[in-house]
Protein backbone atom coordinates (compact mmCIF):
# COMPACT_ATOMS: atom_id res chain seq x y z
CA MET A 1 23.64 9.52 -28.26
CA LYS A 2 26.70 9.22 -30.48
CA LYS A 3 26.53 6.17 -32.72
CA GLN A 4 29.23 3.51 -32.61
CA LEU A 5 30.80 3.06 -36.05
CA LEU A 6 31.05 -0.59 -37.08
CA SER A 7 32.69 -2.29 -40.05
CA PHE A 8 30.55 -4.20 -42.54
CA ARG A 9 33.61 -6.20 -43.58
CA ASP A 10 34.27 -7.25 -39.98
CA PHE A 11 30.63 -8.25 -39.56
CA LEU A 12 30.74 -10.47 -42.64
CA LYS A 13 34.00 -12.07 -41.50
CA THR A 14 33.05 -12.73 -37.88
CA GLY A 15 29.25 -12.73 -37.60
CA ARG A 16 29.51 -10.17 -34.81
CA LEU A 17 28.15 -6.64 -35.02
CA GLY A 18 29.96 -4.55 -32.46
CA GLY A 19 28.73 -5.74 -29.07
CA VAL A 20 26.08 -7.98 -30.64
CA SER A 21 26.93 -11.62 -31.23
CA PRO A 22 24.52 -14.42 -32.16
CA ASN A 23 25.12 -16.43 -28.97
CA MET A 24 23.69 -13.76 -26.66
CA THR A 25 20.57 -13.94 -24.51
CA MET A 26 17.71 -11.46 -24.46
CA ALA A 27 19.00 -9.95 -21.20
CA GLU A 28 22.44 -9.46 -22.72
CA ILE A 29 20.92 -7.71 -25.73
CA VAL A 30 19.11 -5.32 -23.38
CA ASP A 31 22.50 -4.44 -21.85
CA VAL A 32 23.91 -3.60 -25.29
CA LEU A 33 20.95 -2.15 -27.21
CA GLY A 34 18.31 -1.40 -24.59
CA MET A 35 14.67 -2.31 -25.19
CA PRO A 36 13.07 -1.95 -28.62
CA ASP A 37 10.16 0.44 -28.97
CA HIS A 38 7.65 -2.31 -29.72
CA PRO A 39 9.02 -5.64 -28.46
CA ASP A 40 7.31 -8.86 -29.50
CA PRO A 41 7.79 -11.78 -27.11
CA ASP A 42 10.30 -13.59 -29.36
CA TYR A 43 11.22 -11.07 -32.06
CA TRP A 44 12.82 -7.67 -31.54
CA THR A 45 13.52 -4.96 -34.09
CA PHE A 46 16.06 -2.16 -33.75
CA GLY A 47 15.96 -0.20 -37.01
CA LYS A 48 17.39 -2.50 -39.69
CA LEU A 49 18.63 -4.97 -37.06
CA GLU A 50 16.18 -7.78 -36.27
CA ILE A 51 16.66 -10.47 -33.62
CA SER A 52 14.88 -13.78 -33.05
CA PHE A 53 14.92 -15.39 -29.58
CA ALA A 54 14.03 -18.82 -28.25
CA GLY A 55 10.80 -18.94 -26.28
CA GLU A 56 12.24 -20.61 -23.19
CA VAL A 57 14.53 -19.18 -20.51
CA PRO A 58 17.27 -17.96 -20.81
CA ARG A 59 15.80 -16.64 -24.10
CA GLN A 60 18.84 -17.48 -26.17
CA MET A 61 19.16 -15.79 -29.53
CA ASN A 62 18.25 -17.92 -32.56
CA TRP A 63 19.82 -15.45 -34.98
CA PHE A 64 20.00 -11.80 -35.87
CA GLN A 65 19.77 -10.23 -39.29
CA ILE A 66 20.25 -7.04 -41.24
CA GLU A 67 16.94 -6.77 -43.07
CA GLU A 68 16.45 -5.05 -46.43
CA ALA A 69 20.19 -5.27 -47.03
CA GLY A 70 19.56 -4.60 -50.71
CA TYR A 71 19.10 -0.93 -49.82
CA LEU A 72 22.56 -0.54 -48.28
CA GLU A 73 24.37 2.23 -50.13
CA GLY A 74 26.89 5.01 -49.73
CA GLU A 75 29.74 5.06 -47.25
CA LEU A 76 27.73 4.79 -44.03
CA GLU A 77 24.40 3.21 -43.15
CA THR A 78 22.47 3.83 -39.94
CA LEU A 79 21.41 0.48 -38.47
CA THR A 80 20.03 1.43 -35.06
CA ASP A 81 20.02 4.50 -32.84
CA ARG A 82 23.31 3.17 -31.42
CA PHE A 83 25.07 1.66 -34.45
CA ALA A 84 26.21 3.04 -37.81
CA LEU A 85 27.79 0.75 -40.38
CA SER A 86 30.78 1.63 -42.55
CA LEU A 87 30.05 -0.26 -45.76
CA ASP A 88 33.73 -0.62 -46.67
CA GLY A 89 33.06 -0.41 -50.41
CA PHE A 90 30.18 -2.91 -50.42
CA SER A 91 26.50 -2.18 -51.06
CA GLY A 92 23.18 -3.87 -51.64
CA GLU A 93 24.15 -4.14 -55.30
CA THR A 94 27.39 -6.04 -54.65
CA LYS A 95 27.21 -9.38 -56.46
CA PRO A 96 27.78 -12.76 -54.80
CA SER A 97 31.01 -13.23 -56.75
CA GLU A 98 32.27 -9.86 -55.50
CA PHE A 99 31.65 -10.82 -51.88
CA LEU A 100 33.29 -14.21 -52.44
CA GLY A 101 36.29 -12.62 -54.13
CA ALA A 102 36.85 -9.96 -51.47
CA GLY A 103 39.00 -12.06 -49.14
CA LEU A 104 36.38 -12.13 -46.38
CA TRP A 105 36.57 -15.84 -45.66
CA ALA A 106 39.32 -18.44 -45.60
CA ALA A 107 39.55 -20.86 -48.50
CA GLY A 108 36.98 -23.62 -48.20
CA ARG A 109 34.94 -21.80 -45.57
CA ALA A 110 32.28 -20.37 -47.91
CA LYS A 111 29.68 -22.36 -49.82
CA VAL A 112 27.07 -21.24 -52.34
CA PHE A 113 23.59 -22.75 -52.54
CA TYR A 114 21.05 -21.96 -55.25
CA ALA A 115 17.61 -23.32 -56.03
CA ALA A 116 14.36 -22.64 -57.85
CA CYS A 117 11.33 -21.45 -55.90
CA GLY A 118 8.34 -21.20 -58.23
CA ASP A 119 9.23 -18.54 -60.78
CA ASP A 120 12.17 -17.33 -58.69
CA ILE A 121 15.77 -18.37 -58.20
CA LEU A 122 17.25 -18.09 -54.72
CA LEU A 123 20.97 -17.93 -53.96
CA ASN A 124 22.60 -18.05 -50.53
CA ILE A 125 26.19 -17.74 -49.38
CA CYS A 126 26.98 -19.67 -46.19
CA ALA A 127 30.29 -18.71 -44.57
CA GLY A 128 30.98 -19.40 -40.93
CA LEU A 129 28.23 -17.83 -38.84
CA ILE A 130 27.01 -15.74 -41.78
CA GLN A 131 24.31 -16.54 -44.30
CA MET A 132 23.63 -14.04 -47.10
CA HIS A 133 20.36 -14.28 -49.02
CA PHE A 134 20.09 -13.04 -52.62
CA ASP A 135 17.12 -12.75 -54.95
CA VAL A 136 17.67 -13.26 -58.67
CA ASP A 137 15.86 -11.36 -61.42
CA THR A 138 14.60 -14.19 -63.66
CA ASP A 139 13.39 -12.07 -66.58
CA PHE A 140 16.27 -13.51 -68.61
CA ILE A 141 14.62 -16.96 -68.74
CA GLY A 142 11.42 -15.54 -70.24
CA ASP A 143 8.35 -17.70 -69.71
CA GLN A 144 10.41 -20.71 -68.73
CA ASP A 145 9.85 -22.16 -65.27
CA ALA A 146 12.84 -21.51 -62.97
CA GLU A 147 13.14 -25.15 -61.94
CA ALA A 148 12.99 -26.28 -65.57
CA TYR A 149 15.68 -23.74 -66.45
CA LEU A 150 18.04 -24.96 -63.73
CA SER A 151 17.36 -28.60 -64.60
CA ALA A 152 18.13 -27.99 -68.26
CA SER A 153 21.21 -25.84 -67.65
CA SER A 154 24.59 -26.87 -66.33
CA PRO A 155 26.24 -24.61 -63.74
CA SER A 156 28.68 -23.48 -66.42
CA GLN A 157 25.71 -22.19 -68.42
CA SER A 158 23.66 -20.64 -65.61
CA ILE A 159 25.90 -19.28 -62.85
CA ALA A 160 27.26 -16.24 -64.71
CA GLU A 161 23.70 -15.22 -65.60
CA ILE A 162 22.47 -15.79 -62.05
CA ASP A 163 25.38 -13.94 -60.46
CA SER A 164 24.96 -10.85 -62.64
CA ARG A 165 21.27 -10.61 -61.70
CA ALA A 166 21.50 -11.41 -57.98
CA VAL A 167 20.48 -8.69 -55.52
CA LEU A 168 21.23 -8.87 -51.81
CA ASP A 169 18.11 -9.31 -49.68
CA SER A 170 19.16 -10.01 -46.09
CA ILE A 171 22.12 -11.16 -44.01
CA TYR A 172 21.78 -13.51 -41.04
CA SER A 173 24.21 -14.33 -38.27
CA TYR A 174 23.73 -17.66 -36.46
CA PRO A 175 25.25 -18.92 -33.20
CA TYR A 176 26.78 -21.88 -35.05
CA PRO A 177 28.37 -22.26 -38.50
CA LYS A 178 25.65 -22.28 -41.13
CA ALA A 179 27.30 -24.76 -43.46
CA GLU A 180 24.22 -26.48 -44.88
CA GLU A 181 20.80 -25.49 -46.13
CA VAL A 182 17.66 -27.12 -44.73
CA PRO A 183 17.29 -30.40 -46.66
CA GLY A 184 14.00 -30.92 -48.43
CA ALA A 185 12.92 -27.27 -48.33
CA PHE A 186 14.16 -26.73 -51.89
CA ASN A 187 16.21 -28.75 -54.32
CA TRP A 188 19.41 -26.93 -53.38
CA ASN A 189 22.46 -27.03 -55.62
CA ARG A 190 25.78 -26.57 -53.84
CA LEU A 191 29.06 -25.11 -55.07
CA SER A 192 32.30 -24.26 -53.35
CA ALA A 193 33.23 -20.59 -53.40
CA SER A 194 36.20 -21.23 -55.69
CA HIS A 195 34.09 -23.20 -58.18
CA TYR A 196 31.39 -20.52 -58.14
CA LEU A 197 33.94 -17.80 -58.88
CA VAL A 198 35.27 -19.71 -61.87
CA LEU A 199 31.75 -20.18 -63.25
CA ALA A 200 30.67 -16.60 -62.54
CA ASP A 201 33.59 -15.36 -64.63
CA ARG A 202 32.32 -17.19 -67.73
CA ARG A 203 29.73 -14.64 -68.79
CA GLN A 204 29.71 -14.78 -72.57
CA THR A 205 30.52 -11.79 -74.75
CA PRO A 206 28.89 -11.19 -78.16
CA ALA A 207 32.11 -12.45 -79.75
CA ASN A 208 32.28 -15.82 -78.05
CA GLU A 209 28.51 -16.28 -78.34
CA LYS A 210 29.19 -16.45 -82.09
CA GLY A 211 31.98 -18.93 -81.61
CA ALA A 212 34.81 -16.49 -82.22
CA ARG A 213 38.22 -17.76 -81.21
CA GLY A 214 40.57 -15.79 -79.05
CA PRO A 215 44.24 -15.34 -79.89
CA LEU A 216 46.37 -18.47 -79.61
């Protein structure tokens, strides 16, 4: 079967992946993708595409995701036996600031949430139906606890470091705008996309670390 070529950019903008949208039922997914090889009652996997369904009829979709998105690379990525994804210049190594600066979402539509989780720092972009999950390499804080680091650092001190070390993990599409994180799960910090981009651009150079002044 010839694969349908889909646009990664369009997916990030709309939350829809070809004929798959997050408001579909299980029966509608069968019409588009067929049956998975090993279907669980509420969770289906088609290659890198994973779908969660409600347990009650009509088995409405809870969300779908592209799993292991950090491994996306090259020009094309095979998602399922029916879908291939044109990456449109993005990859699993694209930084949060690069996604936010790519003109994918209207001004004010995207929000950034970040929080400590044990020794880790998590960062999510919420934009319309899309939620992008990033992991952050915290080697740069040494033996310091991640929560202590975030508590002791202002966003202007931490965001550039976090952004440069963030790696895409997974991308979810929900049937409703995912504008907020679950309260109480973590101590989430929230930034607008525009504020995040300003802070992410403040990565210090060796010159300004020493207090050197730029030209007047």
